[in-house]
């Protein structure tokens, strides 16, 4: 069973989008990870309880995020990152399904692979095994102290063959993942991110083609 731990938006102007998210959703100070320069990006990672919302922006030519922004004509959903209990088994399922890996990393507290969006459809999918399970390297040092009292609860992905794509994701991730799939001939990809904030008023903010919905939860 996989758990959605982080959602990622690709934006042309990092500071503008991150600033709007922080102001309109009451988020804390984001973490800027220097390691994403490997992908030609800058980022801002917001803690949401023990889950995360990230914004990335290209800082060089010919990046995956930059190419997606160009194809979509602006800011857009980019990646969904899932925590899995057994990454080796999840990778085996991906190989059996013919899904390619585009990136892998193994460090002392995290093992992770990114799956090719052309094979998964809708978004880049990351499968991550943090060690210990309650940790999350990408949140940065001290992320529990910076996290807002809100949780990443789900996402919506728009694809041309929603049923088939939903089945593929469920197979590779080992079951339901909190992601809903809707039919869209235009393949809008990651179009909605759902947050829960118990006791807070419902709120929605649109960043490019991505809608972030905050509900009061339970």
N, C-alpha and C. Protein backbone atom coordinates (compact mmCIF):
# COMPACT_ATOMS: atom_id res chain seq x y z
N UNK A 1 0.84 -1.19 0.00
CA UNK A 1 0.00 0.00 0.00
C UNK A 1 0.88 1.25 0.00
N UNK A 2 0.59 2.19 -0.86
CA UNK A 2 1.38 3.42 -0.95
C UNK A 2 0.64 4.58 -0.30
N UNK A 3 1.40 5.52 0.21
CA UNK A 3 0.84 6.72 0.81
C UNK A 3 1.36 7.94 0.08
N UNK A 4 0.47 8.84 -0.30
CA UNK A 4 0.87 10.08 -0.96
C UNK A 4 1.53 10.99 0.07
N UNK A 5 2.82 11.29 -0.13
CA UNK A 5 3.55 12.14 0.82
C UNK A 5 3.86 13.52 0.28
N UNK A 6 3.94 13.68 -1.06
CA UNK A 6 4.34 14.98 -1.60
C UNK A 6 3.74 15.18 -2.99
N UNK A 7 3.25 16.38 -3.24
CA UNK A 7 2.76 16.78 -4.56
C UNK A 7 3.62 17.95 -5.05
N UNK A 8 3.85 18.00 -6.36
CA UNK A 8 4.78 18.98 -6.92
C UNK A 8 4.13 19.73 -8.07
N UNK A 9 4.26 21.05 -8.03
CA UNK A 9 3.79 21.94 -9.09
C UNK A 9 5.01 22.52 -9.80
N UNK A 10 4.98 22.58 -11.13
CA UNK A 10 6.03 23.23 -11.91
C UNK A 10 5.57 24.64 -12.27
N UNK A 11 6.41 25.63 -12.00
CA UNK A 11 6.02 27.03 -12.21
C UNK A 11 7.14 27.81 -12.89
N UNK A 12 6.75 28.79 -13.69
CA UNK A 12 7.74 29.66 -14.31
C UNK A 12 8.38 30.59 -13.29
N UNK A 13 7.57 31.10 -12.35
CA UNK A 13 8.05 32.05 -11.35
C UNK A 13 7.89 31.42 -9.97
N UNK A 14 8.95 30.84 -9.45
CA UNK A 14 8.91 30.12 -8.17
C UNK A 14 8.43 31.01 -7.04
N UNK A 15 9.01 32.18 -6.91
CA UNK A 15 8.72 33.03 -5.76
C UNK A 15 7.27 33.49 -5.75
N UNK A 16 6.74 33.80 -6.92
CA UNK A 16 5.35 34.25 -7.00
C UNK A 16 4.38 33.14 -6.58
N UNK A 17 4.56 31.94 -7.14
CA UNK A 17 3.65 30.84 -6.84
C UNK A 17 3.80 30.40 -5.39
N UNK A 18 5.03 30.25 -4.91
CA UNK A 18 5.24 29.86 -3.53
C UNK A 18 4.68 30.90 -2.57
N UNK A 19 4.85 32.17 -2.91
CA UNK A 19 4.31 33.23 -2.07
C UNK A 19 2.80 33.20 -1.98
N UNK A 20 2.14 32.94 -3.09
CA UNK A 20 0.68 32.86 -3.08
C UNK A 20 0.19 31.67 -2.26
N UNK A 21 0.83 30.53 -2.43
CA UNK A 21 0.44 29.35 -1.66
C UNK A 21 0.60 29.61 -0.17
N UNK A 22 1.71 30.20 0.20
CA UNK A 22 1.95 30.45 1.62
C UNK A 22 0.94 31.44 2.19
N UNK A 23 0.68 32.50 1.45
CA UNK A 23 -0.23 33.53 1.95
C UNK A 23 -1.67 33.05 2.00
N UNK A 24 -2.12 32.35 0.97
CA UNK A 24 -3.53 32.00 0.87
C UNK A 24 -3.89 30.74 1.63
N UNK A 25 -2.90 29.88 1.92
CA UNK A 25 -3.20 28.64 2.63
C UNK A 25 -2.60 28.60 4.03
N UNK A 26 -1.93 29.68 4.43
CA UNK A 26 -1.39 29.74 5.78
C UNK A 26 -0.26 28.77 6.02
N UNK A 27 0.60 28.59 5.03
CA UNK A 27 1.70 27.64 5.15
C UNK A 27 2.91 28.29 5.81
N UNK A 28 3.81 27.44 6.32
CA UNK A 28 5.00 27.93 6.99
C UNK A 28 6.13 28.25 6.03
N UNK A 29 7.30 28.47 6.60
CA UNK A 29 8.49 28.79 5.81
C UNK A 29 8.88 27.57 4.96
N UNK A 30 9.07 27.75 3.65
CA UNK A 30 9.46 26.61 2.82
C UNK A 30 10.95 26.32 2.92
N UNK A 31 11.30 25.09 2.56
CA UNK A 31 12.69 24.67 2.47
C UNK A 31 13.14 24.74 1.02
N UNK A 32 14.32 25.29 0.79
CA UNK A 32 14.91 25.32 -0.54
C UNK A 32 16.05 24.30 -0.57
N UNK A 33 15.88 23.27 -1.39
CA UNK A 33 16.82 22.16 -1.42
C UNK A 33 17.87 22.38 -2.51
N UNK A 34 19.13 22.59 -2.15
CA UNK A 34 20.15 22.83 -3.18
C UNK A 34 20.36 21.62 -4.08
N UNK A 35 19.94 20.43 -3.63
CA UNK A 35 20.17 19.22 -4.42
C UNK A 35 19.36 19.20 -5.71
N UNK A 36 18.26 19.98 -5.79
CA UNK A 36 17.46 19.95 -7.02
C UNK A 36 18.15 20.67 -8.17
N UNK A 37 19.28 21.32 -7.90
CA UNK A 37 20.04 21.90 -9.00
C UNK A 37 20.52 20.81 -9.96
N UNK A 38 20.62 19.57 -9.48
CA UNK A 38 20.96 18.43 -10.34
C UNK A 38 19.99 18.32 -11.51
N UNK A 39 18.71 18.65 -11.26
CA UNK A 39 17.68 18.59 -12.30
C UNK A 39 17.52 19.93 -13.03
N UNK A 40 18.36 20.91 -12.70
CA UNK A 40 18.24 22.23 -13.32
C UNK A 40 17.11 23.05 -12.74
N UNK A 41 16.82 22.86 -11.43
CA UNK A 41 15.66 23.49 -10.81
C UNK A 41 16.02 24.26 -9.56
N UNK A 42 15.14 25.19 -9.18
CA UNK A 42 15.03 25.72 -7.83
C UNK A 42 13.72 25.19 -7.26
N UNK A 43 13.61 25.17 -5.92
CA UNK A 43 12.35 24.69 -5.37
C UNK A 43 12.00 25.37 -4.05
N UNK A 44 10.77 25.15 -3.64
CA UNK A 44 10.27 25.56 -2.32
C UNK A 44 9.38 24.43 -1.84
N UNK A 45 9.73 23.84 -0.69
CA UNK A 45 9.00 22.69 -0.15
C UNK A 45 8.32 23.10 1.14
N UNK A 46 6.98 23.02 1.14
CA UNK A 46 6.19 23.37 2.31
C UNK A 46 5.81 22.10 3.07
N UNK A 47 5.99 22.13 4.41
CA UNK A 47 5.54 21.04 5.25
C UNK A 47 4.06 21.18 5.55
N UNK A 48 3.34 20.07 5.38
CA UNK A 48 1.90 19.99 5.66
C UNK A 48 1.70 18.83 6.63
N UNK A 49 1.85 19.09 7.93
CA UNK A 49 1.89 17.97 8.86
C UNK A 49 3.13 17.15 8.55
N UNK A 50 2.93 15.86 8.21
CA UNK A 50 4.07 15.05 7.78
C UNK A 50 4.01 14.76 6.28
N UNK A 51 3.29 15.61 5.55
CA UNK A 51 3.25 15.55 4.09
C UNK A 51 3.77 16.88 3.53
N UNK A 52 3.84 16.98 2.19
CA UNK A 52 4.57 18.12 1.64
C UNK A 52 3.97 18.58 0.30
N UNK A 53 4.13 19.88 0.05
CA UNK A 53 3.74 20.50 -1.21
C UNK A 53 4.95 21.27 -1.72
N UNK A 54 5.36 20.97 -2.93
CA UNK A 54 6.58 21.54 -3.49
C UNK A 54 6.26 22.31 -4.76
N UNK A 55 6.99 23.40 -4.95
CA UNK A 55 6.98 24.14 -6.21
C UNK A 55 8.39 24.09 -6.78
N UNK A 56 8.51 23.77 -8.07
CA UNK A 56 9.81 23.76 -8.73
C UNK A 56 9.78 24.70 -9.93
N UNK A 57 10.93 25.30 -10.22
CA UNK A 57 11.06 26.19 -11.38
C UNK A 57 12.39 25.93 -12.07
N UNK A 58 12.40 25.88 -13.39
CA UNK A 58 13.66 25.66 -14.12
C UNK A 58 14.60 26.86 -13.98
N UNK A 59 15.89 26.54 -13.89
CA UNK A 59 16.92 27.60 -13.88
C UNK A 59 17.92 27.40 -15.01
N UNK A 60 17.68 26.40 -15.84
CA UNK A 60 18.50 26.21 -17.04
C UNK A 60 17.62 25.67 -18.16
N UNK A 61 18.15 25.67 -19.36
CA UNK A 61 17.40 25.20 -20.53
C UNK A 61 17.27 23.67 -20.52
N UNK A 62 16.24 23.19 -21.19
CA UNK A 62 16.05 21.77 -21.46
C UNK A 62 15.97 20.91 -20.19
N UNK A 63 15.11 21.32 -19.28
CA UNK A 63 14.79 20.49 -18.12
C UNK A 63 13.44 19.82 -18.35
N UNK A 64 13.19 18.72 -17.65
CA UNK A 64 11.89 18.04 -17.77
C UNK A 64 10.76 18.97 -17.36
N UNK A 65 10.96 19.71 -16.27
CA UNK A 65 9.92 20.64 -15.82
C UNK A 65 9.70 21.75 -16.83
N UNK A 66 10.79 22.28 -17.39
CA UNK A 66 10.66 23.34 -18.37
C UNK A 66 9.95 22.89 -19.63
N UNK A 67 10.24 21.67 -20.07
CA UNK A 67 9.58 21.14 -21.26
C UNK A 67 8.08 20.96 -21.01
N UNK A 68 7.73 20.50 -19.81
CA UNK A 68 6.32 20.33 -19.49
C UNK A 68 5.60 21.67 -19.44
N UNK A 69 6.22 22.66 -18.81
CA UNK A 69 5.63 24.00 -18.76
C UNK A 69 5.39 24.53 -20.17
N UNK A 70 6.36 24.31 -21.06
CA UNK A 70 6.22 24.77 -22.44
C UNK A 70 5.07 24.06 -23.15
N UNK A 71 4.96 22.74 -22.94
CA UNK A 71 3.88 21.99 -23.60
C UNK A 71 2.51 22.41 -23.08
N UNK A 72 2.43 22.67 -21.78
CA UNK A 72 1.14 23.03 -21.17
C UNK A 72 0.84 24.52 -21.32
N UNK A 73 1.81 25.31 -21.70
CA UNK A 73 1.60 26.73 -21.87
C UNK A 73 1.56 27.51 -20.58
N UNK A 74 2.17 26.97 -19.52
CA UNK A 74 2.20 27.68 -18.25
C UNK A 74 2.35 26.73 -17.08
N UNK A 75 2.18 27.27 -15.89
CA UNK A 75 2.31 26.49 -14.66
C UNK A 75 1.41 25.27 -14.70
N UNK A 76 1.86 24.18 -14.07
CA UNK A 76 1.10 22.93 -14.17
C UNK A 76 1.54 21.95 -13.10
N UNK A 77 0.70 20.93 -12.88
CA UNK A 77 1.09 19.85 -12.00
C UNK A 77 2.22 19.06 -12.61
N UNK A 78 3.12 18.55 -11.77
CA UNK A 78 4.36 17.96 -12.27
C UNK A 78 4.60 16.53 -11.76
N UNK A 79 4.51 16.31 -10.44
CA UNK A 79 4.92 15.03 -9.87
C UNK A 79 4.09 14.71 -8.64
N UNK A 80 3.89 13.40 -8.40
CA UNK A 80 3.31 12.91 -7.16
C UNK A 80 4.28 11.89 -6.58
N UNK A 81 4.56 12.01 -5.28
CA UNK A 81 5.57 11.21 -4.61
C UNK A 81 4.90 10.35 -3.54
N UNK A 82 5.11 9.04 -3.64
CA UNK A 82 4.43 8.09 -2.77
C UNK A 82 5.44 7.35 -1.90
N UNK A 83 5.08 7.19 -0.65
CA UNK A 83 5.86 6.35 0.26
C UNK A 83 5.38 4.91 0.12
N UNK A 84 6.34 4.00 -0.08
CA UNK A 84 6.02 2.57 -0.18
C UNK A 84 6.78 1.83 0.92
N UNK A 85 6.22 0.68 1.34
CA UNK A 85 6.85 -0.11 2.39
C UNK A 85 8.06 -0.89 1.89
N UNK A 86 8.02 -1.32 0.63
CA UNK A 86 9.08 -2.16 0.09
C UNK A 86 9.38 -1.69 -1.32
N UNK A 87 10.41 -0.85 -1.45
CA UNK A 87 10.72 -0.27 -2.76
C UNK A 87 11.19 -1.34 -3.74
N UNK A 88 11.95 -2.32 -3.28
CA UNK A 88 12.43 -3.36 -4.18
C UNK A 88 11.26 -4.09 -4.82
N UNK A 89 10.24 -4.39 -4.03
CA UNK A 89 9.07 -5.07 -4.58
C UNK A 89 8.32 -4.16 -5.55
N UNK A 90 8.20 -2.87 -5.21
CA UNK A 90 7.52 -1.92 -6.09
C UNK A 90 8.27 -1.78 -7.41
N UNK A 91 9.59 -1.77 -7.37
CA UNK A 91 10.39 -1.67 -8.60
C UNK A 91 10.20 -2.93 -9.45
N UNK A 92 10.08 -4.05 -8.80
CA UNK A 92 9.85 -5.29 -9.53
C UNK A 92 8.51 -5.24 -10.27
N UNK A 93 7.48 -4.72 -9.60
CA UNK A 93 6.18 -4.59 -10.26
C UNK A 93 6.28 -3.66 -11.48
N UNK A 94 7.05 -2.58 -11.34
CA UNK A 94 7.21 -1.64 -12.45
C UNK A 94 7.91 -2.32 -13.63
N UNK A 95 8.96 -3.07 -13.35
CA UNK A 95 9.67 -3.77 -14.43
C UNK A 95 8.75 -4.75 -15.15
N UNK A 96 7.96 -5.49 -14.37
CA UNK A 96 7.05 -6.47 -14.97
C UNK A 96 6.01 -5.79 -15.86
N UNK A 97 5.65 -4.54 -15.52
CA UNK A 97 4.67 -3.79 -16.31
C UNK A 97 5.31 -3.04 -17.47
N UNK A 98 6.63 -3.11 -17.60
CA UNK A 98 7.32 -2.41 -18.68
C UNK A 98 7.44 -0.92 -18.45
N UNK A 99 7.40 -0.48 -17.19
CA UNK A 99 7.51 0.94 -16.86
C UNK A 99 8.97 1.29 -16.60
N UNK A 100 9.44 2.30 -17.29
CA UNK A 100 10.84 2.70 -17.18
C UNK A 100 11.08 3.60 -15.97
N UNK A 101 12.28 3.49 -15.41
CA UNK A 101 12.75 4.41 -14.38
C UNK A 101 13.57 5.51 -15.05
N UNK A 102 13.38 6.75 -14.59
CA UNK A 102 14.14 7.87 -15.15
C UNK A 102 15.15 8.43 -14.15
N UNK A 103 15.05 7.99 -12.87
CA UNK A 103 15.98 8.48 -11.85
C UNK A 103 15.92 7.54 -10.67
N UNK A 104 17.06 7.34 -10.01
CA UNK A 104 17.08 6.58 -8.77
C UNK A 104 18.11 7.18 -7.83
N UNK A 105 17.84 7.06 -6.54
CA UNK A 105 18.77 7.54 -5.53
C UNK A 105 18.66 6.63 -4.33
N UNK A 106 19.80 6.38 -3.68
CA UNK A 106 19.83 5.60 -2.45
C UNK A 106 20.85 6.24 -1.52
N UNK A 107 20.36 6.81 -0.43
CA UNK A 107 21.20 7.40 0.60
C UNK A 107 20.80 6.78 1.93
N UNK A 108 21.45 7.20 3.01
CA UNK A 108 21.25 6.50 4.28
C UNK A 108 19.81 6.53 4.78
N UNK A 109 19.04 7.58 4.45
CA UNK A 109 17.69 7.69 4.99
C UNK A 109 16.60 7.70 3.93
N UNK A 110 16.95 7.40 2.67
CA UNK A 110 15.93 7.40 1.61
C UNK A 110 16.41 6.58 0.42
N UNK A 111 15.51 5.73 -0.08
CA UNK A 111 15.70 5.08 -1.37
C UNK A 111 14.51 5.45 -2.23
N UNK A 112 14.76 5.80 -3.50
CA UNK A 112 13.68 6.37 -4.31
C UNK A 112 13.95 6.15 -5.79
N UNK A 113 12.86 5.98 -6.55
CA UNK A 113 12.94 5.97 -8.00
C UNK A 113 11.82 6.85 -8.56
N UNK A 114 12.08 7.45 -9.72
CA UNK A 114 11.07 8.19 -10.46
C UNK A 114 10.72 7.38 -11.70
N UNK A 115 9.42 7.28 -11.98
CA UNK A 115 8.94 6.49 -13.11
C UNK A 115 8.60 7.39 -14.29
N UNK A 116 8.82 6.91 -15.48
CA UNK A 116 8.67 7.71 -16.69
C UNK A 116 7.21 8.13 -16.87
N UNK A 117 6.96 9.43 -17.04
CA UNK A 117 5.57 9.89 -17.18
C UNK A 117 4.88 9.37 -18.44
N UNK A 118 5.64 9.06 -19.48
CA UNK A 118 5.02 8.51 -20.69
C UNK A 118 4.48 7.12 -20.44
N UNK A 119 5.08 6.38 -19.50
CA UNK A 119 4.61 5.04 -19.16
C UNK A 119 3.51 5.08 -18.11
N UNK A 120 3.63 6.01 -17.15
CA UNK A 120 2.63 6.10 -16.07
C UNK A 120 1.42 6.92 -16.49
N UNK A 121 1.67 7.94 -17.32
CA UNK A 121 0.64 8.87 -17.80
C UNK A 121 0.17 9.81 -16.69
N UNK A 122 0.05 11.08 -17.03
CA UNK A 122 -0.52 12.07 -16.13
C UNK A 122 0.46 12.85 -15.29
N UNK A 123 1.55 12.21 -14.86
CA UNK A 123 2.53 12.88 -14.00
C UNK A 123 3.74 11.98 -13.85
N UNK A 124 4.87 12.56 -13.45
CA UNK A 124 5.97 11.75 -12.97
C UNK A 124 5.52 11.14 -11.64
N UNK A 125 5.79 9.87 -11.45
CA UNK A 125 5.47 9.18 -10.20
C UNK A 125 6.78 8.81 -9.51
N UNK A 126 6.91 9.21 -8.26
CA UNK A 126 8.05 8.83 -7.45
C UNK A 126 7.60 7.80 -6.43
N UNK A 127 8.40 6.74 -6.28
CA UNK A 127 8.18 5.75 -5.22
C UNK A 127 9.35 5.84 -4.26
N UNK A 128 9.04 6.08 -2.99
CA UNK A 128 10.07 6.39 -2.01
C UNK A 128 9.94 5.49 -0.79
N UNK A 129 11.09 5.06 -0.26
CA UNK A 129 11.11 4.30 0.98
C UNK A 129 12.00 5.05 1.98
N UNK A 130 11.39 5.92 2.81
CA UNK A 130 12.18 6.65 3.80
C UNK A 130 12.56 5.74 4.96
N UNK A 131 13.71 6.02 5.56
CA UNK A 131 14.19 5.24 6.69
C UNK A 131 14.66 6.19 7.78
N UNK A 132 13.95 6.25 8.94
CA UNK A 132 12.78 5.46 9.31
C UNK A 132 11.54 5.93 8.55
N UNK A 133 10.45 5.15 8.59
CA UNK A 133 9.28 5.47 7.77
C UNK A 133 8.67 6.84 8.04
N UNK A 134 8.79 7.35 9.25
CA UNK A 134 8.18 8.65 9.56
C UNK A 134 9.04 9.82 9.10
N UNK A 135 10.24 9.56 8.62
CA UNK A 135 11.11 10.64 8.15
C UNK A 135 10.74 11.03 6.73
N UNK A 136 11.32 12.16 6.27
CA UNK A 136 11.15 12.57 4.87
C UNK A 136 12.26 13.54 4.53
N UNK A 137 13.30 13.01 3.92
CA UNK A 137 14.52 13.77 3.63
C UNK A 137 14.25 15.06 2.88
N UNK A 138 13.30 15.00 1.93
CA UNK A 138 13.09 16.14 1.03
C UNK A 138 12.41 17.32 1.72
N UNK A 139 11.92 17.12 2.95
CA UNK A 139 11.33 18.24 3.69
C UNK A 139 12.36 19.20 4.26
N UNK A 140 13.63 18.74 4.32
CA UNK A 140 14.70 19.57 4.84
C UNK A 140 14.85 19.47 6.35
N UNK A 141 15.94 19.99 6.89
CA UNK A 141 16.17 19.93 8.33
C UNK A 141 15.06 20.65 9.11
N UNK A 142 14.60 20.03 10.17
CA UNK A 142 13.62 20.67 11.04
C UNK A 142 12.25 20.84 10.45
N UNK A 143 11.88 20.01 9.47
CA UNK A 143 10.57 20.22 8.84
C UNK A 143 9.38 20.10 9.80
N UNK A 144 9.44 19.26 10.85
CA UNK A 144 8.26 19.22 11.73
C UNK A 144 7.94 20.58 12.38
N UNK A 145 8.98 21.36 12.66
CA UNK A 145 8.76 22.67 13.28
C UNK A 145 8.20 23.69 12.30
N UNK A 146 8.41 23.48 11.01
CA UNK A 146 7.94 24.42 10.00
C UNK A 146 6.61 24.02 9.37
N UNK A 147 6.10 22.85 9.72
CA UNK A 147 4.91 22.33 9.06
C UNK A 147 3.64 23.03 9.54
N UNK A 148 2.75 23.26 8.60
CA UNK A 148 1.44 23.84 8.91
C UNK A 148 0.48 22.72 9.34
N UNK A 149 -0.57 23.06 10.11
CA UNK A 149 -1.53 22.06 10.57
C UNK A 149 -2.52 21.67 9.48
N UNK A 150 -2.01 21.07 8.45
CA UNK A 150 -2.79 20.68 7.29
C UNK A 150 -2.13 19.43 6.70
N UNK A 151 -2.89 18.61 5.98
CA UNK A 151 -2.36 17.35 5.45
C UNK A 151 -2.69 17.22 3.97
N UNK A 152 -1.74 16.74 3.19
CA UNK A 152 -1.99 16.38 1.80
C UNK A 152 -2.88 15.15 1.78
N UNK A 153 -4.11 15.30 1.29
CA UNK A 153 -5.11 14.24 1.39
C UNK A 153 -5.36 13.51 0.08
N UNK A 154 -4.98 14.08 -1.05
CA UNK A 154 -5.25 13.41 -2.31
C UNK A 154 -4.93 14.31 -3.48
N UNK A 155 -5.20 13.81 -4.68
CA UNK A 155 -4.93 14.55 -5.90
C UNK A 155 -5.85 14.02 -6.99
N UNK A 156 -6.01 14.82 -8.04
CA UNK A 156 -6.78 14.40 -9.21
C UNK A 156 -5.91 14.52 -10.45
N UNK A 157 -5.92 13.46 -11.25
CA UNK A 157 -5.12 13.41 -12.48
C UNK A 157 -6.08 13.21 -13.65
N UNK A 158 -5.95 14.07 -14.66
CA UNK A 158 -6.81 14.03 -15.85
C UNK A 158 -6.06 13.40 -17.01
N UNK A 159 -6.60 12.28 -17.52
CA UNK A 159 -5.95 11.55 -18.61
C UNK A 159 -7.01 11.04 -19.58
N UNK A 160 -6.56 10.65 -20.77
CA UNK A 160 -7.50 10.25 -21.82
C UNK A 160 -8.16 8.91 -21.53
N UNK A 161 -7.46 8.00 -20.85
CA UNK A 161 -8.01 6.68 -20.54
C UNK A 161 -7.93 6.47 -19.04
N UNK A 162 -8.83 7.12 -18.33
CA UNK A 162 -8.74 7.19 -16.86
C UNK A 162 -8.76 5.81 -16.22
N UNK A 163 -9.61 4.91 -16.70
CA UNK A 163 -9.71 3.59 -16.10
C UNK A 163 -8.43 2.80 -16.21
N UNK A 164 -7.83 2.78 -17.38
CA UNK A 164 -6.60 2.03 -17.59
C UNK A 164 -5.45 2.62 -16.80
N UNK A 165 -5.37 3.94 -16.75
CA UNK A 165 -4.28 4.58 -16.02
C UNK A 165 -4.45 4.34 -14.52
N UNK A 166 -5.67 4.44 -14.01
CA UNK A 166 -5.92 4.17 -12.60
C UNK A 166 -5.50 2.75 -12.24
N UNK A 167 -5.80 1.80 -13.11
CA UNK A 167 -5.43 0.41 -12.85
C UNK A 167 -3.91 0.24 -12.84
N UNK A 168 -3.21 0.91 -13.75
CA UNK A 168 -1.75 0.81 -13.79
C UNK A 168 -1.14 1.37 -12.52
N UNK A 169 -1.59 2.55 -12.10
CA UNK A 169 -1.04 3.14 -10.88
C UNK A 169 -1.30 2.24 -9.69
N UNK A 170 -2.51 1.70 -9.57
CA UNK A 170 -2.84 0.84 -8.43
C UNK A 170 -1.98 -0.41 -8.43
N UNK A 171 -1.72 -0.99 -9.59
CA UNK A 171 -0.89 -2.18 -9.68
C UNK A 171 0.52 -1.89 -9.22
N UNK A 172 1.11 -0.82 -9.71
CA UNK A 172 2.50 -0.51 -9.38
C UNK A 172 2.65 -0.06 -7.92
N UNK A 173 1.66 0.69 -7.42
CA UNK A 173 1.77 1.22 -6.07
C UNK A 173 1.25 0.23 -5.02
N UNK A 174 0.69 -0.87 -5.45
CA UNK A 174 0.25 -1.89 -4.51
C UNK A 174 -1.11 -1.67 -3.92
N UNK A 175 -1.94 -0.83 -4.55
CA UNK A 175 -3.29 -0.60 -4.06
C UNK A 175 -3.69 0.85 -4.22
N UNK A 176 -4.82 1.25 -3.62
CA UNK A 176 -5.29 2.64 -3.72
C UNK A 176 -4.25 3.61 -3.19
N UNK A 177 -4.20 4.79 -3.82
CA UNK A 177 -3.14 5.74 -3.48
C UNK A 177 -3.66 7.12 -3.09
N UNK A 178 -4.97 7.31 -3.05
CA UNK A 178 -5.51 8.63 -2.76
C UNK A 178 -5.61 9.53 -3.97
N UNK A 179 -5.35 8.97 -5.16
CA UNK A 179 -5.42 9.75 -6.40
C UNK A 179 -6.68 9.36 -7.16
N UNK A 180 -7.43 10.37 -7.59
CA UNK A 180 -8.60 10.15 -8.45
C UNK A 180 -8.21 10.44 -9.89
N UNK A 181 -8.79 9.69 -10.81
CA UNK A 181 -8.50 9.87 -12.23
C UNK A 181 -9.78 10.26 -12.96
N UNK A 182 -9.69 11.31 -13.78
CA UNK A 182 -10.85 11.77 -14.53
C UNK A 182 -10.53 11.75 -16.02
N UNK A 183 -11.57 11.55 -16.80
CA UNK A 183 -11.41 11.44 -18.25
C UNK A 183 -11.16 12.81 -18.86
N UNK A 184 -10.11 12.92 -19.66
CA UNK A 184 -9.76 14.18 -20.30
C UNK A 184 -8.99 13.91 -21.58
N UNK A 185 -9.61 14.08 -22.75
CA UNK A 185 -8.90 13.84 -24.00
C UNK A 185 -7.64 14.69 -24.15
N UNK A 186 -7.63 15.85 -23.50
CA UNK A 186 -6.47 16.73 -23.59
C UNK A 186 -5.34 16.37 -22.65
N UNK A 187 -5.53 15.36 -21.80
CA UNK A 187 -4.49 14.89 -20.87
C UNK A 187 -3.93 16.05 -20.06
N UNK A 188 -4.77 16.66 -19.23
CA UNK A 188 -4.32 17.79 -18.42
C UNK A 188 -3.37 17.43 -17.30
N UNK A 189 -3.25 16.13 -16.99
CA UNK A 189 -2.31 15.68 -15.97
C UNK A 189 -2.78 15.99 -14.56
N UNK A 190 -1.85 16.34 -13.69
CA UNK A 190 -2.16 16.67 -12.30
C UNK A 190 -2.89 18.01 -12.25
N UNK A 191 -4.20 17.98 -12.03
CA UNK A 191 -5.00 19.21 -12.10
C UNK A 191 -5.53 19.66 -10.75
N UNK A 192 -5.47 18.81 -9.74
CA UNK A 192 -6.03 19.20 -8.44
C UNK A 192 -5.26 18.53 -7.32
N UNK A 193 -5.03 19.28 -6.26
CA UNK A 193 -4.38 18.78 -5.05
C UNK A 193 -5.33 19.06 -3.89
N UNK A 194 -5.61 18.04 -3.09
CA UNK A 194 -6.56 18.18 -1.98
C UNK A 194 -5.82 18.18 -0.65
N UNK A 195 -6.15 19.15 0.19
CA UNK A 195 -5.59 19.26 1.53
C UNK A 195 -6.70 19.17 2.56
N UNK A 196 -6.38 18.67 3.74
CA UNK A 196 -7.32 18.67 4.86
C UNK A 196 -6.72 19.46 6.01
N UNK A 197 -7.54 20.35 6.58
CA UNK A 197 -7.13 21.17 7.72
C UNK A 197 -8.29 21.20 8.70
N UNK A 198 -8.34 20.27 9.67
CA UNK A 198 -9.46 20.20 10.59
C UNK A 198 -9.75 21.54 11.26
N UNK A 199 -10.99 21.95 11.16
CA UNK A 199 -11.41 23.19 11.80
C UNK A 199 -11.21 24.44 10.97
N UNK A 200 -10.49 24.35 9.86
CA UNK A 200 -10.24 25.52 9.01
C UNK A 200 -11.36 25.65 7.98
N UNK A 201 -11.65 26.87 7.55
CA UNK A 201 -12.66 27.04 6.51
C UNK A 201 -12.20 26.47 5.18
N UNK A 202 -13.15 26.00 4.38
CA UNK A 202 -12.81 25.50 3.06
C UNK A 202 -12.24 26.65 2.21
N UNK A 203 -11.28 26.32 1.38
CA UNK A 203 -10.64 27.36 0.58
C UNK A 203 -10.07 26.71 -0.67
N UNK A 204 -10.02 27.45 -1.76
CA UNK A 204 -9.43 26.95 -3.00
C UNK A 204 -8.58 28.06 -3.63
N UNK A 205 -7.43 27.67 -4.14
CA UNK A 205 -6.58 28.61 -4.86
C UNK A 205 -6.11 27.93 -6.13
N UNK A 206 -6.15 28.65 -7.25
CA UNK A 206 -5.71 28.09 -8.52
C UNK A 206 -4.36 28.65 -8.91
N UNK A 207 -3.43 27.73 -9.19
CA UNK A 207 -2.09 28.12 -9.64
C UNK A 207 -1.93 27.54 -11.04
N UNK A 208 -2.04 28.38 -12.05
CA UNK A 208 -2.00 27.87 -13.41
C UNK A 208 -3.16 26.92 -13.63
N UNK A 209 -2.85 25.70 -14.03
CA UNK A 209 -3.89 24.71 -14.26
C UNK A 209 -4.12 23.81 -13.05
N UNK A 210 -3.52 24.14 -11.92
CA UNK A 210 -3.65 23.31 -10.71
C UNK A 210 -4.52 24.03 -9.69
N UNK A 211 -5.53 23.33 -9.20
CA UNK A 211 -6.38 23.84 -8.15
C UNK A 211 -5.99 23.16 -6.84
N UNK A 212 -5.71 23.95 -5.81
CA UNK A 212 -5.42 23.41 -4.48
C UNK A 212 -6.66 23.66 -3.63
N UNK A 213 -7.29 22.57 -3.20
CA UNK A 213 -8.51 22.63 -2.41
C UNK A 213 -8.19 22.29 -0.95
N UNK A 214 -8.61 23.16 -0.06
CA UNK A 214 -8.47 22.86 1.36
C UNK A 214 -9.85 22.65 1.97
N UNK A 215 -10.05 21.49 2.57
CA UNK A 215 -11.32 21.21 3.24
C UNK A 215 -11.09 21.17 4.74
N UNK A 216 -12.19 21.20 5.50
CA UNK A 216 -12.08 21.18 6.94
C UNK A 216 -11.70 19.82 7.49
N UNK A 217 -11.82 18.76 6.67
CA UNK A 217 -11.45 17.44 7.13
C UNK A 217 -12.32 16.96 8.28
N UNK A 218 -11.76 16.04 9.07
CA UNK A 218 -12.50 15.47 10.18
C UNK A 218 -11.83 15.80 11.49
